[in-house]
C-alpha atoms as a PDB file:
ATOM      1  CA  MET A   1     121.550  83.047  78.376  1.00  0.00           C
ATOM      2  CA  GLY A   2     118.105  84.647  78.665  1.00  0.00           C
ATOM      3  CA  MET A   3     117.462  88.304  79.215  1.00  0.00           C
ATOM      4  CA  ILE A   4     115.450  89.395  82.248  1.00  0.00           C
ATOM      5  CA  LEU A   5     113.190  92.321  81.486  1.00  0.00           C
ATOM      6  CA  TRP A   6     111.702  94.371  84.283  1.00  0.00           C
ATOM      7  CA  SER A   7     110.403  97.800  85.147  1.00  0.00           C
ATOM      8  CA  ASN A   8     110.499  99.515  88.518  1.00  0.00           C
ATOM      9  CA  ILE A   9     107.524 101.821  88.971  1.00  0.00           C
ATOM     10  CA  SER A  10     107.039 102.973  92.530  1.00  0.00           C
ATOM     11  CA  PHE A  11     104.368 105.579  91.791  1.00  0.00           C
ATOM     12  CA  SER A  12     101.901 103.135  90.233  1.00  0.00           C
ATOM     13  CA  GLN A  13      98.876 102.413  92.298  1.00  0.00           C
ATOM     14  CA  ILE A  14      96.789  99.377  92.959  1.00  0.00           C
ATOM     15  CA  ASN A  15      93.751 100.881  94.600  1.00  0.00           C
ATOM     16  CA  LYS A  16      91.107  98.138  94.267  1.00  0.00           C
ATOM     17  CA  ALA A  17      90.758  94.396  93.882  1.00  0.00           C
ATOM     18  CA  SER A  18      87.982  92.003  93.039  1.00  0.00           C
ATOM     19  CA  LEU A  19      88.223  88.722  94.905  1.00  0.00           C
ATOM     20  CA  GLN A  20      86.140  85.623  94.268  1.00  0.00           C
ATOM     21  CA  ALA A  21      86.108  82.943  96.964  1.00  0.00           C
ATOM     22  CA  SER A  22      85.219  79.310  96.502  1.00  0.00           C
ATOM     23  CA  GLY A  23      83.168  77.219  98.882  1.00  0.00           C
ATOM     24  CA  LEU A  24      80.713  79.883 100.061  1.00  0.00           C
ATOM     25  CA  THR A  25      77.220  78.546 100.694  1.00  0.00           C
ATOM     26  CA  CYS A  26      75.521  81.220 102.785  1.00  0.00           C
ATOM     27  CA  ALA A  27      75.593  84.749 104.122  1.00  0.00           C
ATOM     28  CA  LEU A  28      77.416  83.612 107.281  1.00  0.00           C
ATOM     29  CA  CYS A  29      80.278  82.293 105.121  1.00  0.00           C
ATOM     30  CA  ALA A  30      80.551  85.653 103.386  1.00  0.00           C
ATOM     31  CA  LYS A  31      80.403  87.474 106.728  1.00  0.00           C
ATOM     32  CA  SER A  32      83.322  85.390 108.009  1.00  0.00           C
ATOM     33  CA  ILE A  33      85.472  86.379 105.023  1.00  0.00           C
ATOM     34  CA  TYR A  34      84.276  90.003 105.263  1.00  0.00           C
ATOM     35  CA  THR A  35      85.255  90.184 108.947  1.00  0.00           C
ATOM     36  CA  ASN A  36      88.703  88.725 108.257  1.00  0.00           C
ATOM     37  CA  LEU A  37      89.386  91.021 105.297  1.00  0.00           C
ATOM     38  CA  THR A  38      88.310  94.186 107.116  1.00  0.00           C
ATOM     39  CA  SER A  39      90.810  93.388 109.874  1.00  0.00           C
ATOM     40  CA  LEU A  40      93.701  94.077 107.454  1.00  0.00           C
ATOM     41  CA  ASP A  41      95.075  97.567 108.074  1.00  0.00           C
ATOM     42  CA  PHE A  42      95.579  98.368 104.362  1.00  0.00           C
ATOM     43  CA  ILE A  43      91.933  97.705 103.428  1.00  0.00           C
ATOM     44  CA  ASP A  44      89.655 100.737 103.460  1.00  0.00           C
ATOM     45  CA  SER A  45      86.385  98.979 102.601  1.00  0.00           C
ATOM     46  CA  VAL A  46      84.908  95.658 101.472  1.00  0.00           C
ATOM     47  CA  ASP A  47      81.677  95.220  99.502  1.00  0.00           C
ATOM     48  CA  THR A  48      80.158  91.746  99.231  1.00  0.00           C
ATOM     49  CA  ASP A  49      78.171  90.205  96.360  1.00  0.00           C
ATOM     50  CA  LEU A  50      76.614  86.965  97.641  1.00  0.00           C
ATOM     51  CA  GLU A  51      75.332  85.898  94.212  1.00  0.00           C
ATOM     52  CA  THR A  52      78.842  85.707  92.732  1.00  0.00           C
ATOM     53  CA  SER A  53      80.724  84.914  95.977  1.00  0.00           C
ATOM     54  CA  SER A  54      82.844  87.981  95.307  1.00  0.00           C
ATOM     55  CA  PHE A  55      84.227  90.879  97.279  1.00  0.00           C
ATOM     56  CA  LEU A  56      85.284  94.323  96.085  1.00  0.00           C
ATOM     57  CA  LEU A  57      88.268  95.501  98.128  1.00  0.00           C
ATOM     58  CA  VAL A  58      89.254  99.162  98.271  1.00  0.00           C
ATOM     59  CA  PHE A  59      92.744  99.842  99.603  1.00  0.00           C
ATOM     60  CA  LYS A  60      93.792 102.784 101.740  1.00  0.00           C
ATOM     61  CA  PRO A  61      95.820 105.305  99.711  1.00  0.00           C
ATOM     62  CA  GLY A  62      99.561 105.043 100.364  1.00  0.00           C
ATOM     63  CA  SER A  63      99.291 101.791 102.299  1.00  0.00           C
ATOM     64  CA  LYS A  64     101.453  98.711 101.722  1.00  0.00           C
ATOM     65  CA  LEU A  65      99.499  96.052  99.871  1.00  0.00           C
ATOM     66  CA  ASP A  66     100.113  92.502 101.109  1.00  0.00           C
ATOM     67  CA  ILE A  67      98.537  90.144  98.589  1.00  0.00           C
ATOM     68  CA  ASN A  68      99.410  87.013 100.553  1.00  0.00           C
ATOM     69  CA  ALA A  69      97.725  88.465 103.650  1.00  0.00           C
ATOM     70  CA  ILE A  70      94.480  88.772 101.659  1.00  0.00           C
ATOM     71  CA  ARG A  71      94.707  85.115 100.628  1.00  0.00           C
ATOM     72  CA  LYS A  72      95.530  84.009 104.186  1.00  0.00           C
ATOM     73  CA  LYS A  73      92.530  85.868 105.609  1.00  0.00           C
ATOM     74  CA  VAL A  74      90.213  84.080 103.163  1.00  0.00           C
ATOM     75  CA  GLU A  75      91.820  80.734 104.044  1.00  0.00           C
ATOM     76  CA  ASP A  76      91.578  81.509 107.777  1.00  0.00           C
ATOM     77  CA  ALA A  77      87.811  81.837 107.271  1.00  0.00           C
ATOM     78  CA  GLY A  78      87.801  78.297 105.826  1.00  0.00           C
ATOM     79  CA  PHE A  79      87.651  79.124 102.107  1.00  0.00           C
ATOM     80  CA  SER A  80      90.008  79.633  99.191  1.00  0.00           C
ATOM     81  CA  VAL A  81      90.621  82.349  96.616  1.00  0.00           C
ATOM     82  CA  SER A  82      89.478  81.269  93.164  1.00  0.00           C
ATOM     83  CA  LYS A  83      90.096  84.613  91.443  1.00  0.00           C
ATOM     84  CA  LEU A  84      91.905  87.825  92.355  1.00  0.00           C
ATOM     85  CA  LEU A  85      91.864  90.798  89.984  1.00  0.00           C
ATOM     86  CA  LEU A  86      93.981  93.835  90.881  1.00  0.00           C
ATOM     87  CA  LYS A  87      93.086  97.244  89.424  1.00  0.00           C
ATOM     88  CA  VAL A  88      96.160  99.263  88.468  1.00  0.00           C
ATOM     89  CA  ASP A  89      95.984 102.994  87.731  1.00  0.00           C
ATOM     90  CA  GLN A  90      99.177 103.779  85.816  1.00  0.00           C
ATOM     91  CA  ALA A  91      99.554 104.408  82.107  1.00  0.00           C
ATOM     92  CA  GLY A  92     102.640 103.504  80.140  1.00  0.00           C
ATOM     93  CA  LEU A  93     103.970 100.507  82.050  1.00  0.00           C
ATOM     94  CA  ALA A  94     106.037  98.306  79.734  1.00  0.00           C
ATOM     95  CA  ILE A  95     104.307  94.961  80.126  1.00  0.00           C
ATOM     96  CA  GLY A  96     104.588  91.759  78.159  1.00  0.00           C
ATOM     97  CA  HIS A  97     105.284  88.046  78.343  1.00  0.00           C
ATOM     98  CA  ASP A  98     108.009  87.227  80.912  1.00  0.00           C
ATOM     99  CA  LYS A  99     108.413  90.873  82.013  1.00  0.00           C
ATOM    100  CA  LYS A 100     108.592  91.804  85.686  1.00  0.00           C
ATOM    101  CA  VAL A 101     107.213  95.091  86.986  1.00  0.00           C
ATOM    102  CA  LYS A 102     107.473  96.409  90.540  1.00  0.00           C
ATOM    103  CA  ILE A 103     104.315  98.129  91.676  1.00  0.00           C
ATOM    104  CA  GLY A 104     104.414  99.372  95.235  1.00  0.00           C
ATOM    105  CA  ASP A 105     106.031  96.668  97.358  1.00  0.00           C
ATOM    106  CA  ASN A 106     105.298  93.765  95.003  1.00  0.00           C
ATOM    107  CA  VAL A 107     106.810  92.496  91.767  1.00  0.00           C
ATOM    108  CA  PHE A 108     104.447  91.205  89.098  1.00  0.00           C
ATOM    109  CA  HIS A 109     105.708  88.667  86.544  1.00  0.00           C
ATOM    110  CA  PHE A 110     103.524  88.855  83.422  1.00  0.00           C
ATOM    111  CA  ILE A 111     102.613  85.562  81.729  1.00  0.00           C
ATOM    112  CA  ASP A 112     101.035  85.202  78.252  1.00  0.00           C
ATOM    113  CA  VAL A 113     100.697  88.955  77.748  1.00  0.00           C
ATOM    114  CA  LYS A 114     101.432  90.650  74.427  1.00  0.00           C
ATOM    115  CA  ALA A 115     104.190  93.300  74.619  1.00  0.00           C
ATOM    116  CA  GLN A 116     102.495  96.664  75.114  1.00  0.00           C
ATOM    117  CA  GLN A 117     102.285  99.870  77.094  1.00  0.00           C
ATOM    118  CA  SER A 118      99.586  99.647  79.736  1.00  0.00           C
ATOM    119  CA  PRO A 119      96.506 101.855  79.443  1.00  0.00           C
ATOM    120  CA  SER A 120      95.816 104.404  82.193  1.00  0.00           C
ATOM    121  CA  SER A 121      93.742 101.863  84.107  1.00  0.00           C
ATOM    122  CA  PHE A 122      93.785  98.093  83.743  1.00  0.00           C
ATOM    123  CA  GLU A 123      93.142  94.871  85.643  1.00  0.00           C
ATOM    124  CA  MET A 124      95.614  92.054  86.086  1.00  0.00           C
ATOM    125  CA  ARG A 125      94.742  88.615  87.402  1.00  0.00           C
ATOM    126  CA  VAL A 126      96.960  86.845  89.924  1.00  0.00           C
ATOM    127  CA  ILE A 127      97.512  83.334  88.531  1.00  0.00           C
ATOM    128  CA  ASP A 128      99.693  81.725  91.190  1.00  0.00           C
ATOM    129  CA  GLN A 129      98.651  78.327  92.546  1.00  0.00           C
ATOM    130  CA  LYS A 130      96.899  79.561  95.684  1.00  0.00           C
ATOM    131  CA  PHE A 131      94.865  82.096  93.701  1.00  0.00           C
ATOM    132  CA  LEU A 132      93.205  79.619  91.290  1.00  0.00           C
ATOM    133  CA  SER A 133      91.409  76.307  91.510  1.00  0.00           C
ATOM    134  CA  ALA A 134      93.736  73.299  91.200  1.00  0.00           C
ATOM    135  CA  LYS A 135      92.208  72.409  87.816  1.00  0.00           C
ATOM    136  CA  GLU A 136      92.626  75.937  86.436  1.00  0.00           C
ATOM    137  CA  PHE A 137      96.217  76.203  87.718  1.00  0.00           C
ATOM    138  CA  LYS A 138      97.149  72.900  86.075  1.00  0.00           C
ATOM    139  CA  LYS A 139      95.581  74.043  82.800  1.00  0.00           C
ATOM    140  CA  LYS A 140      97.313  77.458  82.840  1.00  0.00           C
ATOM    141  CA  THR A 141     100.747  76.059  83.644  1.00  0.00           C
ATOM    142  CA  ALA A 142     100.597  72.975  81.407  1.00  0.00           C
ATOM    143  CA  GLY A 143     102.205  74.635  78.379  1.00  0.00           C
ATOM    144  CA  SER A 144     104.327  77.211  80.160  1.00  0.00           C
ATOM    145  CA  LYS A 145     107.961  77.443  79.103  1.00  0.00           C
ATOM    146  CA  ILE A 146     108.797  79.776  81.996  1.00  0.00           C
ATOM    147  CA  SER A 147     110.602  77.689  84.628  1.00  0.00           C
ATOM    148  CA  CYS A 148     109.082  79.527  87.585  1.00  0.00           C
ATOM    149  CA  TYR A 149     105.561  78.948  86.244  1.00  0.00           C
ATOM    150  CA  GLN A 150     105.305  75.267  85.409  1.00  0.00           C
ATOM    151  CA  TYR A 151     102.957  72.732  86.951  1.00  0.00           C
ATOM    152  CA  SER A 152     104.666  70.382  89.432  1.00  0.00           C
ATOM    153  CA  LYS A 153     108.217  71.430  88.553  1.00  0.00           C
ATOM    154  CA  SER A 154     108.331  75.173  89.024  1.00  0.00           C
ATOM    155  CA  THR A 155     111.470  76.779  90.374  1.00  0.00           C
ATOM    156  CA  PRO A 156     111.437  79.917  92.517  1.00  0.00           C
ATOM    157  CA  CYS A 157     110.966  83.141  90.585  1.00  0.00           C
ATOM    158  CA  VAL A 158     114.136  85.235  90.621  1.00  0.00           C
ATOM    159  CA  MET A 159     113.925  88.804  91.861  1.00  0.00           C
ATOM    160  CA  PRO A 160     115.351  91.140  89.195  1.00  0.00           C
ATOM    161  CA  GLU A 161     118.604  92.888  90.080  1.00  0.00           C
ATOM    162  CA  GLY A 162     118.123  96.335  91.530  1.00  0.00           C
ATOM    163  CA  ILE A 163     114.700  95.649  93.018  1.00  0.00           C
ATOM    164  CA  GLY A 164     114.979  95.805  96.766  1.00  0.00           C
ATOM    165  CA  GLY A 165     112.365  95.668  99.448  1.00  0.00           C
ATOM    166  CA  ALA A 166     109.751  93.774  97.450  1.00  0.00           C
ATOM    167  CA  VAL A 167     107.309  91.713  99.492  1.00  0.00           C
ATOM    168  CA  GLY A 168     107.000  89.029  96.835  1.00  0.00           C
ATOM    169  CA  ILE A 169     106.687  88.076  93.197  1.00  0.00           C
ATOM    170  CA  PHE A 170     103.272  87.236  91.799  1.00  0.00           C
ATOM    171  CA  HIS A 171     102.500  85.785  88.382  1.00  0.00           C
ATOM    172  CA  VAL A 172      99.800  87.741  86.568  1.00  0.00           C
ATOM    173  CA  THR A 173      98.003  87.977  83.252  1.00  0.00           C
ATOM    174  CA  LEU A 174      95.578  90.478  81.764  1.00  0.00           C
END
């Protein structure tokens, strides 16, 4: 029987994200994504970099972060998320391979991360299927021994006992 390791940190903050979209060809494409993202009530501001097809998202302090809503807004504009980096400001989180940490209203399941205490500020990359290209997702999951993170045969990720009210579980790496 395996041991489930998790931490519950409600005072950690994710205050920014860097999102890269795939399929953008012009400024109008970027404007469509920008308009959709700024309609989310938890987003304070969005800066666009057309050269890299990326967006810097700043979240409103104290707001509930809905990571799937960000993805859906990009998809509603006709594009897909190819990279999402979340900036976390919280030192001392116990992170490591197969550990789950609740930050705000989301649980993050760390994959291929050395056991460590987090620095005061760090970025984690969402590596779930709808946040990577199909090729990159297949490559990342090919050797995974974690049942909820395997290509074509993944099982649902189990919410750790004692964690209530979480919006979802997202697989991440540093």
